Amino acid sequence: MSHSKLDDDLEEVLIGHSDTSKKTVLGRLRNYFLAGILVTAPISITFYVTWGFLKFLDKKITPIIPVDFNPNTYLPVYVPGLGLIIAVVFFIIVGWFTRNFFGRLLVRVSEYVVERVPVINTIYGAIKQIFETVMASQSDAFKEVVMFEYPRKGIWVLGFVTGQTKGEVQTMTQNQTINVFLPTTPNPTSGFLLFIPKDDLTYMKMSVEEGIKMIVSGGIITPEQQK
């Protein structure tokens, strides 16, 4: 929530919902109570989730570290975030290793073995393709929010562009088609893959983050219109 949006919400709460609430002490206390919740709840929940995530990583990763090399063994207090630091360093080392000859050779041998195992090769191939598509710098996946009529005319929904339709799917359509992921509320990780003609899409100015917030909240959080 932006600073200006927070100020507007606080002003609305402090002013009160009716003239009666402004004239009574209980009404003012009620408004101050709601304003306090509005200010502290987002911050508290954010810190709680972050702390829980760090503790989860520490619980899973720090046991791997030998006791003599664990900083928490020598420090008088517990230092959170060590697991996150180790995870980041680990991924950096793996990325560096896969860039040289022996690393690429090891990856190719591993993929050769996995691709010949039934069922597992399908799962591995799908997951690998998804990660390569999403993490590629030149990819347009999940960079644009679109609005279109679904499931019938007159009803509008929000979706995210995952790329331009190619291959057999595009050849079967008459117009240029766009891959659109239609998420569900309140769980945006599930949804539908739709192939929609580009002319039927309305490209929004809101960011993907704002679109996700609106979908997850069920429309309670509505981003401000950009000029």
Protein backbone atom coordinates (compact mmCIF):
# COMPACT_ATOMS: atom_id res chain seq x y z
CA MET A 1 0.00 0.00 0.00
CA SER A 2 1.41 3.34 -1.01
CA HIS A 3 1.86 6.23 1.40
CA SER A 4 -0.89 8.29 -0.21
CA LYS A 5 -3.34 5.39 -0.14
CA LEU A 6 -2.57 4.77 3.53
CA ASP A 7 -3.14 8.44 4.31
CA ASP A 8 -6.50 8.33 2.55
CA ASP A 9 -7.56 5.23 4.50
CA LEU A 10 -6.45 6.74 7.81
CA GLU A 11 -8.27 9.97 7.03
CA GLU A 12 -11.44 8.04 6.23
CA VAL A 13 -11.23 6.07 9.47
CA LEU A 14 -10.32 9.03 11.69
CA ILE A 15 -13.03 11.25 10.25
CA GLY A 16 -15.55 8.57 11.09
CA HIS A 17 -18.29 6.78 9.31
CA SER A 18 -21.08 9.01 10.57
CA ASP A 19 -21.70 12.32 12.33
CA THR A 20 -22.77 10.46 15.46
CA SER A 21 -19.42 8.70 15.83
CA LYS A 22 -17.59 12.05 15.73
CA LYS A 23 -19.62 13.52 18.58
CA THR A 24 -19.18 10.67 21.08
CA VAL A 25 -16.05 9.61 22.95
CA LEU A 26 -16.71 5.95 22.20
CA GLY A 27 -17.05 6.77 18.52
CA ARG A 28 -13.69 8.53 18.46
CA LEU A 29 -12.02 5.71 20.39
CA ARG A 30 -13.48 3.26 17.90
CA ASN A 31 -12.05 5.23 14.99
CA TYR A 32 -8.64 5.47 16.65
CA PHE A 33 -8.74 1.72 17.30
CA LEU A 34 -9.47 0.98 13.62
CA ALA A 35 -6.73 3.39 12.53
CA GLY A 36 -4.26 1.61 14.81
CA ILE A 37 -5.16 -1.73 13.26
CA LEU A 38 -4.84 -0.24 9.77
CA VAL A 39 -1.31 0.94 10.52
CA THR A 40 0.09 -1.97 12.54
CA ALA A 41 -1.56 -5.01 10.92
CA PRO A 42 0.23 -4.88 7.52
CA ILE A 43 3.61 -4.25 9.16
CA SER A 44 3.12 -6.96 11.78
CA ILE A 45 1.94 -9.56 9.28
CA THR A 46 4.84 -8.75 6.93
CA PHE A 47 7.41 -9.17 9.72
CA TYR A 48 5.70 -12.35 10.92
CA VAL A 49 5.73 -13.96 7.46
CA THR A 50 9.34 -12.89 6.84
CA TRP A 51 10.45 -14.20 10.22
CA GLY A 52 8.66 -17.50 9.65
CA PHE A 53 10.27 -17.88 6.23
CA LEU A 54 13.76 -17.24 7.63
CA LYS A 55 13.20 -19.70 10.49
CA PHE A 56 11.96 -22.31 8.01
CA LEU A 57 15.12 -21.97 5.90
CA ASP A 58 17.34 -22.01 8.98
CA LYS A 59 15.63 -25.15 10.27
CA LYS A 60 16.13 -26.97 6.97
CA ILE A 61 19.61 -25.71 6.01
CA THR A 62 21.63 -24.95 9.15
CA PRO A 63 21.64 -28.61 10.35
CA ILE A 64 23.75 -29.38 7.27
CA ILE A 65 26.50 -27.03 8.49
CA PRO A 66 29.12 -28.61 10.77
CA VAL A 67 28.87 -27.34 14.33
CA ASP A 68 32.38 -25.85 14.23
CA PHE A 69 31.47 -23.70 11.21
CA ASN A 70 28.02 -22.61 12.40
CA PRO A 71 28.15 -18.97 13.63
CA ASN A 72 25.19 -19.59 15.94
CA THR A 73 27.38 -21.98 17.92
CA TYR A 74 29.59 -19.11 19.09
CA LEU A 75 27.13 -16.22 19.24
CA PRO A 76 25.19 -15.57 22.46
CA VAL A 77 21.94 -14.96 20.53
CA TYR A 78 20.27 -16.67 17.59
CA VAL A 79 20.93 -14.90 14.28
CA PRO A 80 18.12 -15.43 11.75
CA GLY A 81 18.75 -15.50 8.03
CA LEU A 82 21.79 -17.76 7.99
CA GLY A 83 19.90 -20.38 6.00
CA LEU A 84 18.89 -17.78 3.41
CA ILE A 85 22.50 -16.61 3.01
CA ILE A 86 23.70 -20.19 2.59
CA ALA A 87 20.96 -20.89 0.03
CA VAL A 88 21.93 -17.81 -2.02
CA VAL A 89 25.62 -18.75 -1.92
CA PHE A 90 24.75 -22.34 -2.87
CA PHE A 91 22.79 -21.27 -5.96
CA ILE A 92 25.58 -18.91 -6.99
CA ILE A 93 28.16 -21.70 -6.72
CA VAL A 94 25.95 -24.13 -8.67
CA GLY A 95 25.37 -21.49 -11.35
CA TRP A 96 29.10 -20.83 -11.63
CA PHE A 97 29.87 -24.55 -11.78
CA THR A 98 27.36 -25.21 -14.57
CA ARG A 99 29.03 -22.50 -16.68
CA ASN A 100 32.29 -24.43 -17.08
CA PHE A 101 32.98 -27.54 -19.12
CA PHE A 102 32.70 -30.15 -16.37
CA GLY A 103 29.52 -28.59 -15.01
CA ARG A 104 27.81 -28.60 -18.41
CA LEU A 105 28.96 -32.19 -18.95
CA LEU A 106 27.50 -33.26 -15.60
CA VAL A 107 24.19 -31.53 -16.36
CA ARG A 108 23.94 -33.18 -19.77
CA VAL A 109 24.65 -36.63 -18.33
CA SER A 110 22.06 -36.09 -15.58
CA GLU A 111 19.44 -34.92 -18.07
CA TYR A 112 20.24 -37.88 -20.35
CA VAL A 113 19.51 -40.28 -17.49
CA VAL A 114 16.35 -38.46 -16.32
CA GLU A 115 14.91 -38.22 -19.84
CA ARG A 116 14.96 -41.99 -20.13
CA VAL A 117 12.96 -42.64 -16.98
CA PRO A 118 9.21 -42.91 -17.72
CA VAL A 119 6.87 -40.41 -16.03
CA ILE A 120 9.80 -38.59 -14.39
CA ASN A 121 11.04 -37.36 -17.77
CA THR A 122 7.64 -35.76 -18.47
CA ILE A 123 7.52 -34.01 -15.10
CA TYR A 124 11.13 -32.83 -15.38
CA GLY A 125 10.66 -31.54 -18.92
CA ALA A 126 7.53 -29.57 -18.05
CA ILE A 127 9.05 -28.00 -14.92
CA LYS A 128 12.28 -27.13 -16.71
CA GLN A 129 10.45 -25.47 -19.58
CA ILE A 130 8.29 -23.42 -17.18
CA PHE A 131 11.31 -22.15 -15.26
CA GLU A 132 13.26 -21.37 -18.42
CA THR A 133 10.31 -19.43 -19.81
CA VAL A 134 9.56 -17.44 -16.66
CA MET A 135 13.17 -16.67 -15.73
CA ALA A 136 14.44 -15.82 -19.21
CA SER A 137 15.23 -12.10 -19.47
CA GLN A 138 13.78 -11.90 -22.97
CA SER A 139 10.54 -13.57 -21.95
CA ASP A 140 7.29 -11.61 -21.89
CA ALA A 141 5.69 -14.04 -19.42
CA PHE A 142 3.71 -12.37 -16.65
CA LYS A 143 4.78 -8.86 -17.60
CA GLU A 144 1.40 -7.58 -18.79
CA VAL A 145 -2.11 -7.56 -17.35
CA VAL A 146 -5.02 -7.89 -19.76
CA MET A 147 -8.78 -7.73 -19.43
CA PHE A 148 -11.14 -9.68 -21.66
CA GLU A 149 -14.72 -10.96 -21.77
CA TYR A 150 -15.10 -14.41 -20.18
CA PRO A 151 -16.99 -16.74 -19.94
CA ARG A 152 -19.45 -14.76 -22.06
CA LYS A 153 -19.96 -11.29 -23.51
CA GLY A 154 -20.52 -8.61 -20.90
CA ILE A 155 -18.52 -10.32 -18.13
CA TRP A 156 -14.92 -9.17 -17.76
CA VAL A 157 -11.95 -10.87 -16.08
CA LEU A 158 -8.26 -10.12 -15.49
CA GLY A 159 -5.50 -12.32 -16.87
CA PHE A 160 -1.76 -12.32 -17.43
CA VAL A 161 0.03 -12.61 -20.75
CA THR A 162 2.40 -15.60 -20.81
CA GLY A 163 3.57 -15.19 -24.39
CA GLN A 164 2.57 -15.15 -28.02
CA THR A 165 0.93 -18.31 -29.32
CA LYS A 166 3.19 -20.32 -31.60
CA GLY A 167 3.32 -23.69 -33.28
CA GLU A 168 0.33 -25.83 -34.11
CA VAL A 169 -2.07 -23.86 -31.90
CA GLN A 170 -1.37 -20.65 -33.82
CA THR A 171 -1.69 -22.34 -37.21
CA MET A 172 -5.14 -23.60 -36.26
CA THR A 173 -6.40 -20.05 -35.62
CA GLN A 174 -7.12 -17.33 -38.16
CA ASN A 175 -5.92 -14.34 -36.12
CA GLN A 176 -2.81 -13.61 -34.09
CA THR A 177 -3.36 -15.33 -30.76
CA ILE A 178 -1.94 -14.61 -27.30
CA ASN A 179 -1.39 -17.09 -24.46
CA VAL A 180 -3.25 -15.79 -21.40
CA PHE A 181 -3.28 -17.31 -17.93
CA LEU A 182 -6.58 -16.77 -16.14
CA PRO A 183 -5.99 -17.19 -12.35
CA THR A 184 -8.63 -18.09 -9.80
CA THR A 185 -9.54 -16.26 -6.59
CA PRO A 186 -8.14 -16.38 -3.93
CA ASN A 187 -5.48 -18.85 -5.09
CA PRO A 188 -3.77 -17.35 -8.17
CA THR A 189 -1.52 -20.40 -8.66
CA SER A 190 -4.44 -22.32 -10.19
CA GLY A 191 -6.38 -21.25 -13.22
CA PHE A 192 -6.89 -21.74 -16.94
CA LEU A 193 -4.70 -21.38 -20.02
CA LEU A 194 -6.60 -19.54 -22.76
CA PHE A 195 -5.62 -18.78 -26.36
CA ILE A 196 -7.27 -15.45 -27.14
CA PRO A 197 -7.11 -13.32 -30.31
CA LYS A 198 -5.02 -10.23 -29.65
CA ASP A 199 -7.81 -7.93 -30.85
CA ASP A 200 -10.07 -9.25 -28.07
CA LEU A 201 -7.63 -8.24 -25.31
CA THR A 202 -7.55 -4.91 -23.50
CA TYR A 203 -4.05 -4.22 -22.16
CA MET A 204 -4.09 -2.64 -18.71
CA LYS A 205 -1.68 -0.05 -17.29
CA MET A 206 -1.63 -1.68 -13.84
CA SER A 207 1.40 -3.75 -12.88
CA VAL A 208 1.33 -7.53 -12.51
CA GLU A 209 1.74 -7.10 -8.74
CA GLU A 210 -1.32 -4.86 -8.58
CA GLY A 211 -3.30 -7.31 -10.69
CA ILE A 212 -2.38 -10.21 -8.40
CA LYS A 213 -3.35 -8.20 -5.31
CA MET A 214 -6.73 -7.41 -6.83
CA ILE A 215 -7.38 -11.05 -7.73
CA VAL A 216 -6.22 -12.49 -4.41
CA SER A 217 -8.28 -9.97 -2.41
CA GLY A 218 -11.38 -10.70 -4.47
CA GLY A 219 -11.54 -7.10 -5.64
CA ILE A 220 -11.18 -5.55 -2.18
CA ILE A 221 -7.80 -4.08 -3.11
CA THR A 222 -8.28 -2.00 -6.25
CA PRO A 223 -5.25 -0.23 -7.79
CA GLU A 224 -5.58 3.46 -8.56
CA GLN A 225 -6.14 4.36 -12.19
CA GLN A 226 -2.94 5.50 -13.86
CA LYS A 227 -3.14 8.62 -15.95
